[in-house]
Amino acid sequence: MAVVTPRVFVSHLSGVAVFDPNGDQVGRVRDLVALLRVGGRPPRLLGLVVEVISRRRIFLPMTRVTGVESGQVITTGVVNMRRFEQRASETLVLGELLDRRVRLVETDEEATVLDIGITQLPARRDWEIEKVFVRKGKGGALRRKGEAVTVEWSAVTGFSLEEHGQGAENLLATFDQLRPADLASALHHLTPKRRGEVAAALDDARLADVLEELPEDDRVEIMGKLAEERAADVLEAMDPDDAADLLSELPEEEKERLLGLMRPDDAADVRRLMAYEERTAGGLMTTEPIVLRPDATIADALARVRDPDLSPSLAAQVYVCRPPDETPTGKYLGLVHFQRLLRDPPFTLVSSVADTDLPPLPPDTPLNDVTSYLATYNMVAAPVVDESGSLLGAVTVDDVLDHLLPEDWREAEMHGPPGAAADREGEPDDGR
């Protein structure tokens, strides 16, 4: 009786949970590591890149994978927690092989890699790349899609060379369900070339969300690779405070050029924020809180709070102001907590339930005082009001935390704690 060896397509492994033998989750699969070999031999699959709970990425050898089935990966339970460092001889399957343009050996047709099939060798824990799922033709948005076929690894050429202008459609499909912070972590671990390709393929809103979660160097690098018109569109899609932070990292000439390309209203919000000191309420605030007029009802407030694009901290409360109801508003009257909105009838006017006793923050309030304010009043956001009584914006707890943490906290989180990459005595060999 023939032995049936399991075959898995790598797109189905992206984001899959990894469990130890006791059923405890170790992390999630973020990529696969392969060793390309000469002579057309199928590449050996060395292991998985697994993102553990702390968002550190570790290497899990395939020799310690006991099962790949039903949307999960099972390990032996012996996991080396050293940070993953890609070696020169290694190739990331999702990050570097998907969307690669190759040629079919038999017909010399050009094709684009859509997926990769891996298989476990009989009677061993070793795995190798066996199949390549490709779409024939040069591709491109204006071309009719060609036939998609699955072929042997040896039936295609073009994997051994550095690919220029590599697409990102199929790689993005594997990242589709990731939260912005997790997608930012995935981009951070790609090569600069591949990172630029993926960033270029993201839509403006998605890229804006991801840029807000990336370390400073990555943000500047990606913005530098975008056409100026596209960069301005992405800045418009960002929260004004995050756009102001990003622009402050760019050279003055480039900053002014991008502001000039933005819509006047969006540019005005960003310029207003950049006029304040960074570590003050004015420098920390967003200019887009939920603002309602006194004659608005609780039903109106709840409809605004339901906006899925709002962060939880901004959706936690609404601010009642006289017209105009865009920042800077007319006279600030008070705020209404989300919990209060749930306790009163929908037809109730928000002005009748607004908290008018809580003092707002002046825009020059230092960061430490903003932190104390949020802690004292158990708030997740605070109103920022100028001398005339107009609401300028709101400071949210996530922006406060961002500035209380060390400047490189995002990069440290993506790489793990200091010393995580150092060799440790007695740790199991990683199989590479």
Protein backbone atom coordinates (compact mmCIF):
# COMPACT_ATOMS: atom_id res chain seq x y z
CA MET A 1 0.00 0.00 0.00
CA ALA A 2 1.44 3.40 -1.00
CA VAL A 3 2.32 5.86 1.74
CA VAL A 4 0.43 9.15 1.39
CA THR A 5 2.57 12.08 2.45
CA PRO A 6 0.85 15.25 3.67
CA ARG A 7 0.97 18.33 1.45
CA VAL A 8 0.14 21.85 2.64
CA PHE A 9 0.03 25.12 0.75
CA VAL A 10 1.87 27.82 2.66
CA SER A 11 -0.85 30.48 2.32
CA HIS A 12 -2.97 28.25 4.58
CA LEU A 13 -0.28 28.38 7.28
CA SER A 14 -0.03 32.15 7.61
CA GLY A 15 -1.35 33.16 11.03
CA VAL A 16 -2.11 29.58 12.06
CA ALA A 17 -1.82 28.92 15.81
CA VAL A 18 1.09 26.81 17.09
CA PHE A 19 0.38 24.56 20.10
CA ASP A 20 2.54 22.45 22.39
CA PRO A 21 1.55 18.81 23.17
CA ASN A 22 -0.52 19.99 26.17
CA GLY A 23 -2.70 22.18 24.00
CA ASP A 24 -1.19 25.48 25.18
CA GLN A 25 -0.68 28.04 22.42
CA VAL A 26 2.95 28.92 21.73
CA GLY A 27 2.30 31.58 19.08
CA ARG A 28 1.32 31.98 15.44
CA VAL A 29 3.06 31.18 12.16
CA ARG A 30 4.33 34.30 10.39
CA ASP A 31 6.59 32.75 7.73
CA LEU A 32 8.50 29.65 6.67
CA VAL A 33 12.27 29.34 6.23
CA ALA A 34 13.65 27.36 3.27
CA LEU A 35 17.10 26.48 1.97
CA LEU A 36 17.34 26.72 -1.82
CA ARG A 37 19.48 23.97 -3.38
CA VAL A 38 21.40 23.65 -6.63
CA GLY A 39 20.56 21.43 -9.57
CA GLY A 40 16.81 21.97 -9.51
CA ARG A 41 16.43 19.94 -6.31
CA PRO A 42 13.38 20.94 -4.23
CA PRO A 43 14.32 23.32 -1.39
CA ARG A 44 14.46 21.89 2.09
CA LEU A 45 12.08 23.51 4.56
CA LEU A 46 14.13 24.37 7.64
CA GLY A 47 11.41 25.61 9.96
CA LEU A 48 8.75 28.14 10.83
CA VAL A 49 9.01 31.73 11.99
CA VAL A 50 6.64 31.85 14.95
CA GLU A 51 5.50 35.04 16.65
CA VAL A 52 5.08 34.36 20.38
CA ILE A 53 2.84 36.27 22.77
CA SER A 54 5.40 39.04 23.35
CA ARG A 55 5.51 39.58 19.54
CA ARG A 56 9.07 38.34 19.44
CA ARG A 57 9.73 36.11 16.42
CA ILE A 58 11.46 32.81 17.06
CA PHE A 59 12.61 29.95 14.86
CA LEU A 60 10.83 26.60 15.17
CA PRO A 61 12.67 23.79 13.32
CA MET A 62 10.48 21.46 11.22
CA THR A 63 12.08 18.55 13.09
CA ARG A 64 10.12 19.73 16.14
CA VAL A 65 6.81 19.94 14.28
CA THR A 66 4.77 16.82 14.95
CA GLY A 67 1.60 17.77 13.09
CA VAL A 68 0.23 20.26 10.57
CA GLU A 69 -3.51 19.71 10.41
CA SER A 70 -6.95 21.25 10.92
CA GLY A 71 -5.64 24.80 10.88
CA GLN A 72 -3.04 24.26 13.59
CA VAL A 73 0.59 23.30 14.08
CA ILE A 74 1.63 20.94 16.89
CA THR A 75 5.16 20.98 18.29
CA THR A 76 7.18 18.69 20.53
CA GLY A 77 7.00 21.36 23.22
CA VAL A 78 10.74 22.09 23.13
CA VAL A 79 10.99 25.68 21.87
CA ASN A 80 14.11 27.81 21.60
CA MET A 81 13.10 31.37 22.58
CA ARG A 82 16.03 33.10 20.91
CA ARG A 83 15.00 35.79 18.48
CA PHE A 84 14.91 34.64 14.85
CA GLU A 85 17.71 36.03 12.70
CA GLN A 86 17.57 35.19 8.99
CA ARG A 87 20.84 33.83 7.65
CA ALA A 88 22.28 34.72 4.26
CA SER A 89 21.60 31.25 2.86
CA GLU A 90 17.97 31.20 3.95
CA THR A 91 14.85 32.28 2.07
CA LEU A 92 11.53 33.34 3.59
CA VAL A 93 8.80 31.52 1.69
CA LEU A 94 5.94 33.97 2.23
CA GLY A 95 8.07 37.09 2.26
CA GLU A 96 10.33 36.32 -0.71
CA LEU A 97 8.82 33.62 -2.93
CA LEU A 98 5.16 34.61 -3.26
CA ASP A 99 4.52 36.99 -6.16
CA ARG A 100 7.90 36.07 -7.69
CA ARG A 101 7.92 36.13 -11.48
CA VAL A 102 9.27 32.86 -12.85
CA ARG A 103 9.37 30.94 -16.15
CA LEU A 104 7.91 27.57 -16.99
CA VAL A 105 10.72 25.31 -18.20
CA GLU A 106 8.68 23.42 -20.80
CA THR A 107 7.05 26.38 -22.57
CA ASP A 108 9.27 29.32 -21.49
CA GLU A 109 6.12 31.19 -20.50
CA GLU A 110 6.35 33.85 -17.81
CA ALA A 111 4.26 33.23 -14.70
CA THR A 112 3.63 34.66 -11.23
CA VAL A 113 3.86 32.54 -8.08
CA LEU A 114 0.52 32.46 -6.23
CA ASP A 115 1.32 29.78 -3.65
CA ILE A 116 3.85 27.16 -2.62
CA GLY A 117 3.10 23.53 -1.74
CA ILE A 118 5.23 21.81 0.91
CA THR A 119 5.27 18.09 1.69
CA GLN A 120 6.63 15.91 4.46
CA LEU A 121 9.14 13.30 3.39
CA PRO A 122 8.09 9.68 4.09
CA ALA A 123 9.03 8.26 7.50
CA ARG A 124 10.82 11.51 8.49
CA ARG A 125 10.05 14.88 10.01
CA ASP A 126 11.86 16.65 7.18
CA TRP A 127 9.78 18.77 4.81
CA GLU A 128 10.55 20.20 1.39
CA ILE A 129 8.94 22.43 -1.21
CA GLU A 130 7.29 20.20 -3.78
CA LYS A 131 4.76 22.20 -5.81
CA VAL A 132 4.42 25.73 -7.14
CA PHE A 133 1.01 27.23 -7.90
CA VAL A 134 1.43 29.86 -10.64
CA ARG A 135 -0.63 32.03 -12.94
CA LYS A 136 0.60 32.16 -16.52
CA GLY A 137 1.23 35.49 -18.20
CA LYS A 138 3.01 38.69 -17.24
CA GLY A 139 0.16 39.83 -15.01
CA GLY A 140 -0.65 43.45 -14.27
CA ALA A 141 -3.94 45.18 -13.63
CA LEU A 142 -4.67 45.84 -17.32
CA ARG A 143 -4.04 42.31 -18.51
CA ARG A 144 -6.51 39.47 -18.58
CA LYS A 145 -5.64 36.89 -15.97
CA GLY A 146 -4.00 33.80 -17.39
CA GLU A 147 -4.47 30.16 -16.56
CA ALA A 148 -3.51 29.07 -13.02
CA VAL A 149 -1.70 25.74 -12.74
CA THR A 150 0.17 23.71 -10.13
CA VAL A 151 3.55 22.40 -11.27
CA GLU A 152 6.57 20.66 -9.81
CA TRP A 153 9.30 22.84 -8.33
CA SER A 154 11.67 21.64 -11.06
CA ALA A 155 9.22 22.83 -13.75
CA VAL A 156 9.95 26.51 -13.09
CA THR A 157 13.05 28.70 -13.08
CA GLY A 158 13.75 32.11 -11.60
CA PHE A 159 13.84 31.53 -7.86
CA SER A 160 17.58 31.86 -7.41
CA LEU A 161 17.92 35.47 -8.61
CA GLU A 162 17.07 38.71 -6.84
CA GLU A 163 13.72 39.78 -8.25
CA HIS A 164 13.17 43.43 -9.10
CA GLY A 165 9.68 44.87 -9.26
CA GLN A 166 8.23 41.83 -7.48
CA GLY A 167 4.51 42.18 -6.81
CA ALA A 168 2.81 41.83 -3.46
CA GLU A 169 -0.77 40.71 -4.16
CA ASN A 170 -0.46 37.16 -2.88
CA LEU A 171 1.73 38.05 0.08
CA LEU A 172 -0.86 40.64 1.10
CA ALA A 173 -3.55 37.98 0.90
CA THR A 174 -1.74 36.05 3.64
CA PHE A 175 -1.59 39.24 5.76
CA ASP A 176 -5.21 40.24 5.16
CA GLN A 177 -6.55 39.36 8.61
CA LEU A 178 -3.66 40.83 10.62
CA ARG A 179 -4.22 43.76 12.94
CA PRO A 180 -2.25 46.89 11.97
CA ALA A 181 0.29 46.31 14.76
CA ASP A 182 0.86 42.71 13.64
CA LEU A 183 1.13 43.71 9.98
CA ALA A 184 3.63 46.39 11.01
CA SER A 185 5.67 43.69 12.74
CA ALA A 186 5.53 41.57 9.58
CA LEU A 187 6.73 44.48 7.43
CA HIS A 188 9.51 45.29 9.87
CA HIS A 189 10.96 41.80 9.39
CA LEU A 190 10.95 41.94 5.57
CA THR A 191 13.92 43.14 3.54
CA PRO A 192 13.82 46.88 2.69
CA LYS A 193 13.09 46.05 -0.97
CA ARG A 194 10.20 43.75 -0.11
CA ARG A 195 8.92 46.12 2.58
CA GLY A 196 8.68 48.88 -0.02
CA GLU A 197 6.81 46.61 -2.45
CA VAL A 198 4.27 45.55 0.17
CA ALA A 199 3.78 49.12 1.40
CA ALA A 200 3.20 50.29 -2.18
CA ALA A 201 0.54 47.60 -2.65
CA LEU A 202 -1.45 48.48 0.49
CA ASP A 203 -4.37 50.87 0.11
CA ASP A 204 -3.99 54.32 1.67
CA ALA A 205 -6.07 53.65 4.79
CA ARG A 206 -4.38 50.32 5.55
CA LEU A 207 -0.91 51.77 5.03
CA ALA A 208 -1.80 54.74 7.24
CA ASP A 209 -2.81 52.38 10.06
CA VAL A 210 0.40 50.37 9.66
CA LEU A 211 2.68 53.43 9.58
CA GLU A 212 1.27 54.49 12.95
CA GLU A 213 2.58 51.21 14.42
CA LEU A 214 6.06 51.10 12.84
CA PRO A 215 9.36 52.27 14.34
CA GLU A 216 10.54 55.69 13.21
CA ASP A 217 13.24 54.44 10.81
CA ASP A 218 10.79 52.15 8.97
CA ARG A 219 8.22 54.94 8.62
CA VAL A 220 10.72 57.36 7.16
CA GLU A 221 12.10 54.68 4.81
CA ILE A 222 8.64 53.77 3.48
CA MET A 223 7.55 57.40 3.03
CA GLY A 224 10.76 58.06 1.11
CA LYS A 225 9.87 55.33 -1.40
CA LEU A 226 6.34 56.57 -2.10
CA ALA A 227 5.54 59.06 -4.84
CA GLU A 228 4.87 62.45 -3.23
CA GLU A 229 1.19 62.50 -4.26
CA ARG A 230 0.70 59.03 -2.75
CA ALA A 231 2.58 60.02 0.42
CA ALA A 232 0.27 63.02 0.83
CA ASP A 233 -2.80 60.80 0.39
CA VAL A 234 -1.52 58.43 3.09
CA LEU A 235 -0.87 61.34 5.47
CA GLU A 236 -4.47 62.49 4.92
CA ALA A 237 -5.67 58.99 5.89
CA MET A 238 -3.68 59.03 9.13
CA ASP A 239 -4.94 60.50 12.40
CA PRO A 240 -3.77 64.13 12.39
CA ASP A 241 -1.60 63.68 15.48
CA ASP A 242 0.15 60.67 13.96
CA ALA A 243 0.61 62.50 10.65
CA ALA A 244 2.16 65.42 12.56
CA ASP A 245 4.53 63.04 14.37
CA LEU A 246 5.61 61.44 11.09
CA LEU A 247 6.13 64.75 9.31
CA SER A 248 8.26 65.99 12.19
CA GLU A 249 10.71 63.18 11.42
CA LEU A 250 11.21 64.37 7.82
CA PRO A 251 13.52 67.11 6.51
CA GLU A 252 11.93 70.57 6.56
CA GLU A 253 11.81 70.92 2.76
CA GLU A 254 10.14 67.54 2.27
CA LYS A 255 7.70 68.23 5.10
CA GLU A 256 6.53 71.50 3.53
CA ARG A 257 6.24 69.88 0.11
CA LEU A 258 3.96 67.13 1.46
CA LEU A 259 1.84 69.58 3.46
CA GLY A 260 1.37 71.58 0.26
CA LEU A 261 0.06 68.48 -1.53
CA MET A 262 -2.44 67.60 1.21
CA ARG A 263 -6.03 68.81 1.23
CA PRO A 264 -6.09 72.29 2.86
CA ASP A 265 -8.33 71.22 5.76
CA ASP A 266 -6.18 68.17 6.58
CA ALA A 267 -2.97 70.18 6.27
CA ALA A 268 -4.39 72.88 8.55
CA ASP A 269 -5.13 70.31 11.29
CA VAL A 270 -1.61 68.92 11.05
CA ARG A 271 0.04 72.35 11.04
CA ARG A 272 -1.98 73.32 14.11
CA LEU A 273 -0.73 70.26 15.99
CA MET A 274 2.87 70.85 14.92
CA ALA A 275 2.72 74.34 16.47
CA TYR A 276 2.56 72.83 19.98
CA GLU A 277 5.42 71.33 21.95
CA GLU A 278 5.50 67.56 21.43
CA ARG A 279 5.15 66.54 25.10
CA THR A 280 2.16 68.76 25.89
CA ALA A 281 -1.58 68.23 25.68
CA GLY A 282 -1.66 70.21 22.43
CA GLY A 283 1.13 68.17 20.90
CA LEU A 284 -0.44 64.87 22.01
CA MET A 285 -4.08 65.52 21.12
CA THR A 286 -6.07 64.42 18.11
CA THR A 287 -8.19 67.06 16.40
CA GLU A 288 -10.97 64.57 15.51
CA PRO A 289 -12.90 63.68 18.69
CA ILE A 290 -16.67 63.12 18.58
CA VAL A 291 -18.21 66.60 18.83
CA LEU A 292 -21.97 67.11 19.20
CA ARG A 293 -24.12 70.22 19.44
CA PRO A 294 -26.26 70.79 22.56
CA ASP A 295 -29.47 69.86 20.72
CA ALA A 296 -28.13 66.43 19.67
CA THR A 297 -29.75 63.40 21.30
CA ILE A 298 -28.25 60.34 22.93
CA ALA A 299 -29.38 58.39 19.85
CA ASP A 300 -27.22 60.74 17.73
CA ALA A 301 -24.28 60.21 20.10
CA LEU A 302 -24.58 56.41 20.01
CA ALA A 303 -24.69 56.47 16.19
CA ARG A 304 -21.38 58.38 16.19
CA VAL A 305 -19.81 56.09 18.78
CA ARG A 306 -20.60 53.04 16.63
CA ASP A 307 -18.18 54.22 13.92
CA PRO A 308 -15.83 51.21 13.44
CA ASP A 309 -12.96 53.51 12.41
CA LEU A 310 -12.85 55.11 15.85
CA SER A 311 -10.33 53.89 18.40
CA PRO A 312 -11.86 52.60 21.69
CA SER A 313 -10.44 55.58 23.59
CA LEU A 314 -12.01 58.13 21.22
CA ALA A 315 -15.32 56.26 21.24
CA ALA A 316 -15.41 56.26 25.06
CA GLN A 317 -16.94 59.73 25.29
CA VAL A 318 -18.45 62.57 23.28
CA TYR A 319 -17.84 66.30 23.67
CA VAL A 320 -20.71 68.81 23.70
CA CYS A 321 -19.91 72.18 22.11
CA ARG A 322 -21.74 75.11 20.58
CA PRO A 323 -21.37 75.53 16.80
CA PRO A 324 -19.15 75.23 14.88
CA ASP A 325 -18.79 71.56 15.78
CA GLU A 326 -15.41 70.97 14.13
CA THR A 327 -12.26 71.74 16.06
CA PRO A 328 -11.56 74.41 17.07
CA THR A 329 -15.22 74.48 18.05
CA GLY A 330 -17.53 77.00 19.60
CA LYS A 331 -17.76 77.13 23.39
CA TYR A 332 -17.01 73.78 25.06
CA LEU A 333 -19.89 72.78 27.39
CA GLY A 334 -18.92 69.35 28.75
CA LEU A 335 -18.55 65.69 27.95
CA VAL A 336 -20.69 62.56 28.17
CA HIS A 337 -19.22 59.17 28.99
CA PHE A 338 -20.25 56.20 26.91
CA GLN A 339 -21.70 54.46 29.99
CA ARG A 340 -23.98 57.42 30.64
CA LEU A 341 -25.21 57.21 27.04
CA LEU A 342 -26.34 53.64 27.74
CA ARG A 343 -28.27 54.57 30.88
CA ASP A 344 -30.56 57.31 29.53
CA PRO A 345 -33.38 57.21 26.95
CA PRO A 346 -32.35 57.72 23.30
CA PHE A 347 -34.40 60.94 22.93
CA THR A 348 -32.56 62.67 25.82
CA LEU A 349 -30.47 65.70 24.83
CA VAL A 350 -26.75 65.20 25.39
CA SER A 351 -26.51 68.70 26.88
CA SER A 352 -28.78 67.63 29.75
CA VAL A 353 -26.50 64.74 30.81
CA ALA A 354 -23.09 66.29 30.06
CA ASP A 355 -20.47 66.37 32.80
CA THR A 356 -19.76 70.08 33.15
CA ASP A 357 -17.70 69.90 36.36
CA LEU A 358 -14.64 68.12 34.98
CA PRO A 359 -12.01 70.77 34.15
CA PRO A 360 -10.58 70.56 30.60
CA LEU A 361 -6.84 70.72 29.88
CA PRO A 362 -5.08 73.79 28.45
CA PRO A 363 -3.00 72.92 25.34
CA ASP A 364 0.30 73.70 27.11
CA THR A 365 -0.31 71.12 29.88
CA PRO A 366 2.90 69.05 30.29
CA LEU A 367 2.83 65.30 29.66
CA ASN A 368 3.26 64.41 33.35
CA ASP A 369 0.23 66.54 34.27
CA VAL A 370 -1.83 64.96 31.48
CA THR A 371 -0.93 61.53 32.85
CA SER A 372 -1.92 62.56 36.39
CA TYR A 373 -5.20 63.99 35.09
CA LEU A 374 -6.18 60.72 33.37
CA ALA A 375 -5.22 58.69 36.44
CA THR A 376 -6.97 61.02 38.92
CA TYR A 377 -10.28 61.04 37.07
CA ASN A 378 -10.10 57.45 35.73
CA MET A 379 -10.34 58.71 32.14
CA VAL A 380 -9.19 57.22 28.84
CA ALA A 381 -9.38 60.60 27.07
CA ALA A 382 -9.41 64.24 28.08
CA PRO A 383 -10.67 67.45 26.39
CA VAL A 384 -8.15 70.13 25.40
CA VAL A 385 -9.61 73.65 25.45
CA ASP A 386 -8.01 77.02 24.60
CA GLU A 387 -8.27 80.32 26.50
CA SER A 388 -11.45 81.31 24.65
CA GLY A 389 -13.19 78.10 25.74
CA SER A 390 -13.11 76.37 22.34
CA LEU A 391 -12.43 72.64 22.15
CA LEU A 392 -9.17 72.04 20.28
CA GLY A 393 -9.09 68.25 20.49
CA ALA A 394 -8.76 65.33 22.88
CA VAL A 395 -5.78 63.54 24.39
CA THR A 396 -6.21 59.75 24.49
CA VAL A 397 -4.51 57.31 26.82
CA ASP A 398 -2.84 55.41 23.95
CA ASP A 399 -1.05 58.59 22.81
CA VAL A 400 0.04 59.27 26.38
CA LEU A 401 1.45 55.75 26.75
CA ASP A 402 3.22 56.12 23.41
CA HIS A 403 5.17 59.08 24.82
CA LEU A 404 5.74 57.60 28.29
CA LEU A 405 7.43 54.49 26.90
CA PRO A 406 11.04 54.62 25.67
CA GLU A 407 11.41 56.16 22.20
CA ASP A 408 12.40 52.81 20.68
CA TRP A 409 9.66 50.76 22.38
CA ARG A 410 8.09 49.63 19.09
CA GLU A 411 11.38 48.33 17.75
CA ALA A 412 12.23 46.69 21.09
CA GLU A 413 8.81 45.00 21.14
CA MET A 414 9.28 43.62 17.62
CA HIS A 415 12.73 42.28 18.44
CA GLY A 416 12.06 41.09 21.97
CA PRO A 417 13.81 42.17 25.18
CA PRO A 418 17.52 43.09 25.20
CA GLY A 419 19.76 40.07 24.98
CA ALA A 420 17.03 37.87 23.51
CA ALA A 421 19.17 37.10 20.48
CA ALA A 422 22.21 36.04 22.49
CA ASP A 423 23.20 32.39 22.60
CA ARG A 424 22.33 30.63 25.83
CA GLU A 425 24.04 27.67 27.37
CA GLY A 426 21.97 24.53 27.39
CA GLU A 427 19.35 25.64 24.87
CA PRO A 428 18.46 23.07 22.20
CA ASP A 429 20.06 23.38 18.78
CA ASP A 430 17.82 25.10 16.25
CA GLY A 431 18.44 22.54 13.54
CA ARG A 432 20.00 24.98 11.07
